[in-house]
PDB file of N, CA and C in Angstrom:
ATOM      1  N   MET A   1     -66.339 -63.418 -12.939  1.00  0.00           N
ATOM      2  CA  MET A   1     -65.846 -62.278 -12.198  1.00  0.00           C
ATOM      3  C   MET A   1     -64.343 -62.178 -12.422  1.00  0.00           C
ATOM      4  N   CYS A   2     -63.878 -60.972 -12.612  1.00  0.00           N
ATOM      5  CA  CYS A   2     -62.451 -60.708 -12.780  1.00  0.00           C
ATOM      6  C   CYS A   2     -61.905 -60.099 -11.499  1.00  0.00           C
ATOM      7  N   LEU A   3     -60.662 -60.391 -11.214  1.00  0.00           N
ATOM      8  CA  LEU A   3     -60.042 -59.869 -10.015  1.00  0.00           C
ATOM      9  C   LEU A   3     -58.647 -59.379 -10.350  1.00  0.00           C
ATOM     10  N   ALA A   4     -58.342 -58.185  -9.908  1.00  0.00           N
ATOM     11  CA  ALA A   4     -56.987 -57.643 -10.025  1.00  0.00           C
ATOM     12  C   ALA A   4     -56.489 -57.383  -8.614  1.00  0.00           C
ATOM     13  N   VAL A   5     -55.203 -57.609  -8.393  1.00  0.00           N
ATOM     14  CA  VAL A   5     -54.636 -57.450  -7.056  1.00  0.00           C
ATOM     15  C   VAL A   5     -53.457 -56.484  -7.099  1.00  0.00           C
ATOM     16  N   PRO A   6     -53.257 -55.740  -6.033  1.00  0.00           N
ATOM     17  CA  PRO A   6     -52.117 -54.826  -5.986  1.00  0.00           C
ATOM     18  C   PRO A   6     -50.843 -55.567  -5.625  1.00  0.00           C
ATOM     19  N   GLY A   7     -49.736 -55.029  -6.098  1.00  0.00           N
ATOM     20  CA  GLY A   7     -48.449 -55.600  -5.756  1.00  0.00           C
ATOM     21  C   GLY A   7     -47.354 -54.566  -5.873  1.00  0.00           C
ATOM     22  N   GLU A   8     -46.266 -54.817  -5.159  1.00  0.00           N
ATOM     23  CA  GLU A   8     -45.115 -53.923  -5.186  1.00  0.00           C
ATOM     24  C   GLU A   8     -44.034 -54.526  -6.073  1.00  0.00           C
ATOM     25  N   ILE A   9     -43.503 -53.712  -6.968  1.00  0.00           N
ATOM     26  CA  ILE A   9     -42.445 -54.165  -7.858  1.00  0.00           C
ATOM     27  C   ILE A   9     -41.146 -54.306  -7.066  1.00  0.00           C
ATOM     28  N   LEU A  10     -40.580 -55.521  -7.113  1.00  0.00           N
ATOM     29  CA  LEU A  10     -39.334 -55.806  -6.411  1.00  0.00           C
ATOM     30  C   LEU A  10     -38.118 -55.681  -7.320  1.00  0.00           C
ATOM     31  N   SER A  11     -38.293 -56.067  -8.585  1.00  0.00           N
ATOM     32  CA  SER A  11     -37.200 -55.966  -9.560  1.00  0.00           C
ATOM     33  C   SER A  11     -37.798 -55.913 -10.955  1.00  0.00           C
ATOM     34  N   ILE A  12     -37.005 -55.383 -11.892  1.00  0.00           N
ATOM     35  CA  ILE A  12     -37.445 -55.277 -13.285  1.00  0.00           C
ATOM     36  C   ILE A  12     -36.334 -55.785 -14.189  1.00  0.00           C
ATOM     37  N   ASP A  13     -36.725 -56.606 -15.161  1.00  0.00           N
ATOM     38  CA  ASP A  13     -35.815 -57.087 -16.200  1.00  0.00           C
ATOM     39  C   ASP A  13     -36.517 -56.859 -17.537  1.00  0.00           C
ATOM     40  N   GLN A  14     -36.147 -55.798 -18.206  1.00  0.00           N
ATOM     41  CA  GLN A  14     -36.753 -55.366 -19.462  1.00  0.00           C
ATOM     42  C   GLN A  14     -38.244 -55.091 -19.257  1.00  0.00           C
ATOM     43  N   SER A  15     -39.141 -55.900 -19.826  1.00  0.00           N
ATOM     44  CA  SER A  15     -40.583 -55.650 -19.712  1.00  0.00           C
ATOM     45  C   SER A  15     -41.268 -56.566 -18.702  1.00  0.00           C
ATOM     46  N   THR A  16     -40.469 -57.224 -17.862  1.00  0.00           N
ATOM     47  CA  THR A  16     -41.029 -58.127 -16.861  1.00  0.00           C
ATOM     48  C   THR A  16     -40.561 -57.694 -15.475  1.00  0.00           C
ATOM     49  N   ALA A  17     -41.495 -57.676 -14.550  1.00  0.00           N
ATOM     50  CA  ALA A  17     -41.169 -57.316 -13.171  1.00  0.00           C
ATOM     51  C   ALA A  17     -41.491 -58.481 -12.252  1.00  0.00           C
ATOM     52  N   THR A  18     -40.703 -58.624 -11.207  1.00  0.00           N
ATOM     53  CA  THR A  18     -41.059 -59.522 -10.112  1.00  0.00           C
ATOM     54  C   THR A  18     -41.821 -58.671  -9.110  1.00  0.00           C
ATOM     55  N   VAL A  19     -43.049 -59.098  -8.811  1.00  0.00           N
ATOM     56  CA  VAL A  19     -43.956 -58.307  -7.984  1.00  0.00           C
ATOM     57  C   VAL A  19     -44.343 -59.107  -6.745  1.00  0.00           C
ATOM     58  N   ASP A  20     -44.374 -58.428  -5.602  1.00  0.00           N
ATOM     59  CA  ASP A  20     -44.840 -59.024  -4.350  1.00  0.00           C
ATOM     60  C   ASP A  20     -46.337 -58.770  -4.246  1.00  0.00           C
ATOM     61  N   LEU A  21     -47.113 -59.842  -4.343  1.00  0.00           N
ATOM     62  CA  LEU A  21     -48.569 -59.760  -4.270  1.00  0.00           C
ATOM     63  C   LEU A  21     -49.024 -60.219  -2.888  1.00  0.00           C
ATOM     64  N   GLY A  22     -48.712 -59.441  -1.884  1.00  0.00           N
ATOM     65  CA  GLY A  22     -49.121 -59.790  -0.526  1.00  0.00           C
ATOM     66  C   GLY A  22     -48.438 -61.033   0.009  1.00  0.00           C
ATOM     67  N   GLY A  23     -47.161 -61.202  -0.299  1.00  0.00           N
ATOM     68  CA  GLY A  23     -46.403 -62.341   0.190  1.00  0.00           C
ATOM     69  C   GLY A  23     -46.130 -63.393  -0.868  1.00  0.00           C
ATOM     70  N   VAL A  24     -46.772 -63.302  -1.996  1.00  0.00           N
ATOM     71  CA  VAL A  24     -46.542 -64.210  -3.119  1.00  0.00           C
ATOM     72  C   VAL A  24     -45.819 -63.429  -4.206  1.00  0.00           C
ATOM     73  N   ARG A  25     -44.717 -63.982  -4.680  1.00  0.00           N
ATOM     74  CA  ARG A  25     -43.966 -63.310  -5.756  1.00  0.00           C
ATOM     75  C   ARG A  25     -44.378 -63.890  -7.095  1.00  0.00           C
ATOM     76  N   GLN A  26     -44.571 -62.983  -8.051  1.00  0.00           N
ATOM     77  CA  GLN A  26     -44.977 -63.405  -9.392  1.00  0.00           C
ATOM     78  C   GLN A  26     -44.302 -62.524 -10.425  1.00  0.00           C
ATOM     79  N   ASP A  27     -43.933 -63.121 -11.549  1.00  0.00           N
ATOM     80  CA  ASP A  27     -43.431 -62.343 -12.668  1.00  0.00           C
ATOM     81  C   ASP A  27     -44.621 -61.760 -13.415  1.00  0.00           C
ATOM     82  N   VAL A  28     -44.540 -60.479 -13.710  1.00  0.00           N
ATOM     83  CA  VAL A  28     -45.651 -59.731 -14.291  1.00  0.00           C
ATOM     84  C   VAL A  28     -45.130 -58.918 -15.467  1.00  0.00           C
ATOM     85  N   ARG A  29     -45.876 -58.877 -16.535  1.00  0.00           N
ATOM     86  CA  ARG A  29     -45.518 -58.070 -17.699  1.00  0.00           C
ATOM     87  C   ARG A  29     -45.869 -56.606 -17.434  1.00  0.00           C
ATOM     88  N   LEU A  30     -45.009 -55.708 -17.920  1.00  0.00           N
ATOM     89  CA  LEU A  30     -45.191 -54.272 -17.725  1.00  0.00           C
ATOM     90  C   LEU A  30     -45.586 -53.536 -19.013  1.00  0.00           C
ATOM     91  N   ASP A  31     -45.964 -54.265 -20.040  1.00  0.00           N
ATOM     92  CA  ASP A  31     -46.245 -53.670 -21.342  1.00  0.00           C
ATOM     93  C   ASP A  31     -47.361 -52.622 -21.311  1.00  0.00           C
ATOM     94  N   LEU A  32     -48.266 -52.696 -20.371  1.00  0.00           N
ATOM     95  CA  LEU A  32     -49.441 -51.824 -20.361  1.00  0.00           C
ATOM     96  C   LEU A  32     -49.305 -50.592 -19.474  1.00  0.00           C
ATOM     97  N   VAL A  33     -48.189 -50.462 -18.774  1.00  0.00           N
ATOM     98  CA  VAL A  33     -47.997 -49.299 -17.893  1.00  0.00           C
ATOM     99  C   VAL A  33     -46.701 -48.580 -18.249  1.00  0.00           C
ATOM    100  N   ASP A  34     -46.714 -47.287 -18.062  1.00  0.00           N
ATOM    101  CA  ASP A  34     -45.521 -46.466 -18.276  1.00  0.00           C
ATOM    102  C   ASP A  34     -44.948 -46.048 -16.930  1.00  0.00           C
ATOM    103  N   ASN A  35     -43.659 -45.824 -16.901  1.00  0.00           N
ATOM    104  CA  ASN A  35     -42.975 -45.261 -15.731  1.00  0.00           C
ATOM    105  C   ASN A  35     -43.003 -46.149 -14.496  1.00  0.00           C
ATOM    106  N   ALA A  36     -43.124 -47.456 -14.666  1.00  0.00           N
ATOM    107  CA  ALA A  36     -43.045 -48.362 -13.520  1.00  0.00           C
ATOM    108  C   ALA A  36     -41.581 -48.491 -13.111  1.00  0.00           C
ATOM    109  N   SER A  37     -41.346 -48.514 -11.811  1.00  0.00           N
ATOM    110  CA  SER A  37     -39.991 -48.656 -11.301  1.00  0.00           C
ATOM    111  C   SER A  37     -40.016 -49.518 -10.042  1.00  0.00           C
ATOM    112  N   VAL A  38     -38.842 -49.968  -9.635  1.00  0.00           N
ATOM    113  CA  VAL A  38     -38.750 -50.747  -8.401  1.00  0.00           C
ATOM    114  C   VAL A  38     -39.315 -49.906  -7.261  1.00  0.00           C
ATOM    115  N   GLY A  39     -40.187 -50.524  -6.470  1.00  0.00           N
ATOM    116  CA  GLY A  39     -40.846 -49.827  -5.377  1.00  0.00           C
ATOM    117  C   GLY A  39     -42.217 -49.302  -5.735  1.00  0.00           C
ATOM    118  N   SER A  40     -42.540 -49.246  -7.039  1.00  0.00           N
ATOM    119  CA  SER A  40     -43.878 -48.812  -7.470  1.00  0.00           C
ATOM    120  C   SER A  40     -44.898 -49.891  -7.133  1.00  0.00           C
ATOM    121  N   TYR A  41     -46.133 -49.455  -6.949  1.00  0.00           N
ATOM    122  CA  TYR A  41     -47.246 -50.387  -6.781  1.00  0.00           C
ATOM    123  C   TYR A  41     -48.034 -50.427  -8.072  1.00  0.00           C
ATOM    124  N   VAL A  42     -48.435 -51.645  -8.454  1.00  0.00           N
ATOM    125  CA  VAL A  42     -49.205 -51.825  -9.668  1.00  0.00           C
ATOM    126  C   VAL A  42     -50.415 -52.703  -9.377  1.00  0.00           C
ATOM    127  N   LEU A  43     -51.441 -52.545 -10.182  1.00  0.00           N
ATOM    128  CA  LEU A  43     -52.608 -53.408 -10.129  1.00  0.00           C
ATOM    129  C   LEU A  43     -52.381 -54.495 -11.169  1.00  0.00           C
ATOM    130  N   VAL A  44     -52.455 -55.770 -10.737  1.00  0.00           N
ATOM    131  CA  VAL A  44     -52.093 -56.904 -11.597  1.00  0.00           C
ATOM    132  C   VAL A  44     -53.330 -57.732 -11.916  1.00  0.00           C
ATOM    133  N   HIS A  45     -53.491 -58.019 -13.213  1.00  0.00           N
ATOM    134  CA  HIS A  45     -54.587 -58.878 -13.682  1.00  0.00           C
ATOM    135  C   HIS A  45     -54.037 -59.822 -14.739  1.00  0.00           C
ATOM    136  N   VAL A  46     -54.261 -61.091 -14.569  1.00  0.00           N
ATOM    137  CA  VAL A  46     -53.812 -62.170 -15.456  1.00  0.00           C
ATOM    138  C   VAL A  46     -52.375 -62.006 -15.941  1.00  0.00           C
ATOM    139  N   GLY A  47     -51.477 -61.676 -15.011  1.00  0.00           N
ATOM    140  CA  GLY A  47     -50.060 -61.615 -15.332  1.00  0.00           C
ATOM    141  C   GLY A  47     -49.578 -60.314 -15.931  1.00  0.00           C
ATOM    142  N   TYR A  48     -50.450 -59.319 -16.007  1.00  0.00           N
ATOM    143  CA  TYR A  48     -50.080 -58.001 -16.534  1.00  0.00           C
ATOM    144  C   TYR A  48     -50.341 -56.927 -15.497  1.00  0.00           C
ATOM    145  N   ALA A  49     -49.410 -55.991 -15.383  1.00  0.00           N
ATOM    146  CA  ALA A  49     -49.663 -54.779 -14.600  1.00  0.00           C
ATOM    147  C   ALA A  49     -50.563 -53.916 -15.473  1.00  0.00           C
ATOM    148  N   ILE A  50     -51.755 -53.575 -14.964  1.00  0.00           N
ATOM    149  CA  ILE A  50     -52.700 -52.821 -15.783  1.00  0.00           C
ATOM    150  C   ILE A  50     -52.769 -51.345 -15.412  1.00  0.00           C
ATOM    151  N   GLN A  51     -52.245 -50.987 -14.235  1.00  0.00           N
ATOM    152  CA  GLN A  51     -52.147 -49.572 -13.881  1.00  0.00           C
ATOM    153  C   GLN A  51     -51.247 -49.400 -12.672  1.00  0.00           C
ATOM    154  N   LEU A  52     -50.677 -48.223 -12.568  1.00  0.00           N
ATOM    155  CA  LEU A  52     -49.892 -47.865 -11.381  1.00  0.00           C
ATOM    156  C   LEU A  52     -50.844 -47.478 -10.268  1.00  0.00           C
ATOM    157  N   MET A  53     -50.436 -47.718  -9.024  1.00  0.00           N
ATOM    158  CA  MET A  53     -51.219 -47.354  -7.849  1.00  0.00           C
ATOM    159  C   MET A  53     -50.318 -46.568  -6.902  1.00  0.00           C
ATOM    160  N   THR A  54     -50.936 -45.739  -6.084  1.00  0.00           N
ATOM    161  CA  THR A  54     -50.175 -45.098  -5.018  1.00  0.00           C
ATOM    162  C   THR A  54     -50.027 -46.109  -3.883  1.00  0.00           C
ATOM    163  N   PRO A  55     -49.038 -45.926  -3.026  1.00  0.00           N
ATOM    164  CA  PRO A  55     -48.930 -46.818  -1.858  1.00  0.00           C
ATOM    165  C   PRO A  55     -50.202 -46.809  -1.008  1.00  0.00           C
ATOM    166  N   ALA A  56     -50.854 -45.659  -0.895  1.00  0.00           N
ATOM    167  CA  ALA A  56     -52.091 -45.570  -0.102  1.00  0.00           C
ATOM    168  C   ALA A  56     -53.209 -46.402  -0.726  1.00  0.00           C
ATOM    169  N   GLU A  57     -53.326 -46.367  -2.057  1.00  0.00           N
ATOM    170  CA  GLU A  57     -54.345 -47.172  -2.737  1.00  0.00           C
ATOM    171  C   GLU A  57     -54.080 -48.661  -2.542  1.00  0.00           C
ATOM    172  N   ALA A  58     -52.822 -49.056  -2.646  1.00  0.00           N
ATOM    173  CA  ALA A  58     -52.466 -50.460  -2.454  1.00  0.00           C
ATOM    174  C   ALA A  58     -52.770 -50.895  -1.021  1.00  0.00           C
ATOM    175  N   LYS A  59     -52.410 -50.065  -0.053  1.00  0.00           N
ATOM    176  CA  LYS A  59     -52.659 -50.384   1.356  1.00  0.00           C
ATOM    177  C   LYS A  59     -54.162 -50.531   1.622  1.00  0.00           C
ATOM    178  N   GLU A  60     -54.948 -49.622   1.071  1.00  0.00           N
ATOM    179  CA  GLU A  60     -56.400 -49.687   1.254  1.00  0.00           C
ATOM    180  C   GLU A  60     -56.969 -50.968   0.640  1.00  0.00           C
ATOM    181  N   THR A  61     -56.490 -51.339  -0.527  1.00  0.00           N
ATOM    182  CA  THR A  61     -56.972 -52.549  -1.192  1.00  0.00           C
ATOM    183  C   THR A  61     -56.591 -53.795  -0.400  1.00  0.00           C
ATOM    184  N   PHE A  62     -55.344 -53.854   0.100  1.00  0.00           N
ATOM    185  CA  PHE A  62     -54.943 -54.989   0.940  1.00  0.00           C
ATOM    186  C   PHE A  62     -55.818 -55.067   2.189  1.00  0.00           C
ATOM    187  N   ALA A  63     -56.158 -53.928   2.784  1.00  0.00           N
ATOM    188  CA  ALA A  63     -57.018 -53.913   3.972  1.00  0.00           C
ATOM    189  C   ALA A  63     -58.405 -54.462   3.640  1.00  0.00           C
ATOM    190  N   LEU A  64     -58.941 -54.116   2.490  1.00  0.00           N
ATOM    191  CA  LEU A  64     -60.243 -54.644   2.071  1.00  0.00           C
ATOM    192  C   LEU A  64     -60.185 -56.152   1.852  1.00  0.00           C
ATOM    193  N   PHE A  65     -59.094 -56.642   1.249  1.00  0.00           N
ATOM    194  CA  PHE A  65     -58.933 -58.087   1.076  1.00  0.00           C
ATOM    195  C   PHE A  65     -58.865 -58.785   2.434  1.00  0.00           C
ATOM    196  N   ASP A  66     -58.143 -58.200   3.388  1.00  0.00           N
ATOM    197  CA  ASP A  66     -58.049 -58.786   4.731  1.00  0.00           C
ATOM    198  C   ASP A  66     -59.421 -58.822   5.407  1.00  0.00           C
ATOM    199  N   GLU A  67     -60.186 -57.752   5.245  1.00  0.00           N
ATOM    200  CA  GLU A  67     -61.531 -57.680   5.828  1.00  0.00           C
ATOM    201  C   GLU A  67     -62.428 -58.763   5.215  1.00  0.00           C
ATOM    202  N   TYR A  68     -62.331 -58.931   3.920  1.00  0.00           N
ATOM    203  CA  TYR A  68     -63.128 -59.945   3.232  1.00  0.00           C
ATOM    204  C   TYR A  68     -62.738 -61.352   3.706  1.00  0.00           C
ATOM    205  N   ALA A  69     -61.442 -61.614   3.818  1.00  0.00           N
ATOM    206  CA  ALA A  69     -60.972 -62.925   4.270  1.00  0.00           C
ATOM    207  C   ALA A  69     -61.440 -63.205   5.702  1.00  0.00           C
ATOM    208  N   ALA A  70     -61.415 -62.186   6.561  1.00  0.00           N
ATOM    209  CA  ALA A  70     -61.881 -62.368   7.942  1.00  0.00           C
ATOM    210  C   ALA A  70     -63.375 -62.692   7.971  1.00  0.00           C
ATOM    211  N   ALA A  71     -64.138 -62.032   7.114  1.00  0.00           N
ATOM    212  CA  ALA A  71     -65.574 -62.306   7.053  1.00  0.00           C
ATOM    213  C   ALA A  71     -65.833 -63.738   6.583  1.00  0.00           C
ATOM    214  N   LEU A  72     -65.053 -64.202   5.629  1.00  0.00           N
ATOM    215  CA  LEU A  72     -65.205 -65.585   5.162  1.00  0.00           C
ATOM    216  C   LEU A  72     -64.866 -66.576   6.264  1.00  0.00           C
ATOM    217  N   GLU A  73     -63.832 -66.277   7.053  1.00  0.00           N
ATOM    218  CA  GLU A  73     -63.466 -67.159   8.164  1.00  0.00           C
ATOM    219  C   GLU A  73     -64.584 -67.221   9.188  1.00  0.00           C
ATOM    220  N   LEU A  74     -65.183 -66.073   9.530  1.00  0.00           N
ATOM    221  CA  LEU A  74     -66.296 -66.054  10.476  1.00  0.00           C
ATOM    222  C   LEU A  74     -67.482 -66.840   9.949  1.00  0.00           C
ATOM    223  N   GLU A  75     -67.738 -66.686   8.674  1.00  0.00           N
ATOM    224  CA  GLU A  75     -68.836 -67.415   8.053  1.00  0.00           C
ATOM    225  C   GLU A  75     -68.608 -68.922   8.161  1.00  0.00           C
ATOM    226  N   GLY A  76     -67.372 -69.339   8.018  1.00  0.00           N
ATOM    227  CA  GLY A  76     -67.039 -70.756   8.074  1.00  0.00           C
ATOM    228  C   GLY A  76     -67.054 -71.338   9.480  1.00  0.00           C
ATOM    229  N   GLU A  77     -67.133 -70.488  10.512  1.00  0.00           N
ATOM    230  CA  GLU A  77     -67.122 -70.975  11.892  1.00  0.00           C
ATOM    231  C   GLU A  77     -68.508 -71.392  12.382  1.00  0.00           C
ATOM    232  N   GLY A  78     -69.530 -71.101  11.621  1.00  0.00           N
ATOM    233  CA  GLY A  78     -70.881 -71.480  12.039  1.00  0.00           C
ATOM    234  C   GLY A  78     -71.100 -72.977  11.979  1.00  0.00           C
ATOM    235  N   GLU A  79     -72.088 -73.458  12.726  1.00  0.00           N
ATOM    236  CA  GLU A  79     -72.437 -74.873  12.721  1.00  0.00           C
ATOM    237  C   GLU A  79     -73.252 -75.167  11.473  1.00  0.00           C
ATOM    238  N   PRO A  80     -73.136 -76.372  10.933  1.00  0.00           N
ATOM    239  CA  PRO A  80     -73.936 -76.734   9.768  1.00  0.00           C
ATOM    240  C   PRO A  80     -75.428 -76.540  10.051  1.00  0.00           C
ATOM    241  N   GLY A  81     -76.105 -75.888   9.123  1.00  0.00           N
ATOM    242  CA  GLY A  81     -77.547 -75.690   9.257  1.00  0.00           C
ATOM    243  C   GLY A  81     -77.959 -74.512  10.104  1.00  0.00           C
ATOM    244  N   ASP A  82     -77.005 -73.698  10.630  1.00  0.00           N
ATOM    245  CA  ASP A  82     -77.418 -72.581  11.477  1.00  0.00           C
ATOM    246  C   ASP A  82     -77.573 -71.280  10.686  1.00  0.00           C
ATOM    247  N   GLY A  83     -77.542 -71.362   9.361  1.00  0.00           N
ATOM    248  CA  GLY A  83     -77.771 -70.171   8.556  1.00  0.00           C
ATOM    249  C   GLY A  83     -76.533 -69.351   8.248  1.00  0.00           C
ATOM    250  N   ARG A  84     -75.363 -69.778   8.713  1.00  0.00           N
ATOM    251  CA  ARG A  84     -74.138 -69.037   8.412  1.00  0.00           C
ATOM    252  C   ARG A  84     -73.308 -69.771   7.419  1.00  0.00           C
TER     253      ARG A  84
END
């Protein structure tokens, strides 16, 4: 399974951006996207920005990740052998 995550560009140095991925900062290559700028949201996969996103798309994706994480936490609260 492949996973791409949204992030906000904090700074750019030539073809590399520092991106905030929900509280984690990572250097990301910008070779695959055009018109990226500081403050833009990008979808990041294996260290590359693969597409630009609107702030609304990024917010929705972060909300889905939060919902998924909450479901995993609830699943982990069950007693061993109770089917959860």
